[in-house]
Amino acid sequence: MPEVKKMIPLLGQEVAASEVPITKASEPWSEYQLEDGSTVRFKSVATSILRLEGQYNQDGTPIYIVLSAPVINVVDASANLRQKVH
């Protein structure tokens, strides 16, 4: 799939960007043990990656914007926090 060029709003102005297709992803989970006894897993999944046209950081690397969505999974919850299911 080829890159798609578009204009996006950024810091109050329209800037040129190319949506770069994702060809491979590795999205590991971060796991958190909570004080209430629960275990929660979290990861951020990229939904789109844009490269700003003609914009580079100090070492000449192109600047990218990553649009993402959070994914949350409750692995375990304490019995006292669970709702009774009939």
Protein backbone atom coordinates (compact mmCIF):
# COMPACT_ATOMS: atom_id res chain seq x y z
CA MET A 1 0.00 0.00 0.00
CA PRO A 2 1.54 3.35 -0.98
CA GLU A 3 1.95 6.33 1.32
CA VAL A 4 -1.01 8.72 1.39
CA LYS A 5 -0.21 12.44 1.43
CA LYS A 6 -2.49 14.71 3.45
CA MET A 7 -2.67 18.00 5.30
CA ILE A 8 -3.10 17.77 9.09
CA PRO A 9 -3.70 20.41 11.77
CA LEU A 10 -0.66 20.82 14.02
CA LEU A 11 -0.07 23.63 16.53
CA GLY A 12 -2.63 25.92 14.91
CA GLN A 13 -1.51 25.45 11.30
CA GLU A 14 -1.97 22.95 8.47
CA VAL A 15 1.16 20.89 7.72
CA ALA A 16 1.92 18.36 4.98
CA ALA A 17 2.28 14.77 6.13
CA SER A 18 2.47 11.31 4.60
CA GLU A 19 0.60 8.42 6.19
CA VAL A 20 3.13 5.60 6.21
CA PRO A 21 1.67 2.07 6.12
CA ILE A 22 2.63 -0.22 9.02
CA THR A 23 4.16 -3.46 7.73
CA LYS A 24 5.00 -5.13 11.05
CA ALA A 25 4.11 -4.47 14.67
CA SER A 26 5.21 -5.73 18.07
CA GLU A 27 3.09 -4.35 20.87
CA PRO A 28 4.07 -5.83 24.23
CA TRP A 29 1.93 -5.40 27.32
CA SER A 30 2.89 -3.41 30.41
CA GLU A 31 1.57 -5.14 33.52
CA TYR A 32 0.70 -3.35 36.77
CA GLN A 33 0.00 -4.85 40.20
CA LEU A 34 -2.40 -2.53 42.04
CA GLU A 35 -2.69 -1.90 45.75
CA ASP A 36 -6.28 -3.24 45.72
CA GLY A 37 -4.97 -6.66 44.62
CA SER A 38 -5.89 -6.32 40.95
CA THR A 39 -3.58 -6.90 38.01
CA VAL A 40 -4.05 -4.72 34.93
CA ARG A 41 -2.32 -4.94 31.56
CA PHE A 42 -2.01 -1.96 29.24
CA LYS A 43 -0.67 -1.34 25.77
CA SER A 44 -0.94 1.41 23.21
CA VAL A 45 -1.75 0.28 19.67
CA ALA A 46 -0.73 2.51 16.75
CA THR A 47 -3.70 3.20 14.48
CA SER A 48 -1.81 5.45 12.04
CA ILE A 49 1.72 6.82 11.62
CA LEU A 50 2.36 10.11 9.84
CA ARG A 51 5.72 11.49 8.67
CA LEU A 52 5.83 15.30 8.56
CA GLU A 53 7.00 16.48 5.14
CA GLY A 54 10.20 18.54 5.23
CA GLN A 55 10.42 18.42 9.05
CA TYR A 56 13.50 16.95 10.74
CA ASN A 57 14.96 16.86 14.26
CA GLN A 58 18.45 18.17 15.11
CA ASP A 59 20.29 15.12 13.75
CA GLY A 60 18.38 15.08 10.44
CA THR A 61 15.92 12.31 11.32
CA PRO A 62 12.39 12.80 9.91
CA ILE A 63 9.67 13.63 12.44
CA TYR A 64 6.78 11.19 12.86
CA ILE A 65 3.42 11.52 14.61
CA VAL A 66 1.87 8.33 15.98
CA LEU A 67 -1.90 8.16 16.42
CA SER A 68 -2.78 5.44 18.90
CA ALA A 69 -5.51 3.84 20.98
CA PRO A 70 -5.16 2.36 24.46
CA VAL A 71 -6.01 -1.29 25.15
CA ILE A 72 -6.62 -2.30 28.77
CA ASN A 73 -7.04 -5.85 30.07
CA VAL A 74 -7.92 -6.67 33.69
CA VAL A 75 -6.01 -9.90 34.29
CA ASP A 76 -7.20 -10.43 37.86
CA ALA A 77 -9.32 -8.58 40.39
CA SER A 78 -9.73 -9.25 44.11
CA ALA A 79 -12.84 -11.19 45.09
CA ASN A 80 -14.09 -8.26 47.20
CA LEU A 81 -14.05 -6.00 44.09
CA ARG A 82 -15.94 -8.38 41.84
CA GLN A 83 -19.65 -7.97 41.23
CA LYS A 84 -21.78 -10.97 42.08
CA VAL A 85 -23.00 -12.63 38.86
CA HIS A 86 -26.21 -14.64 38.99
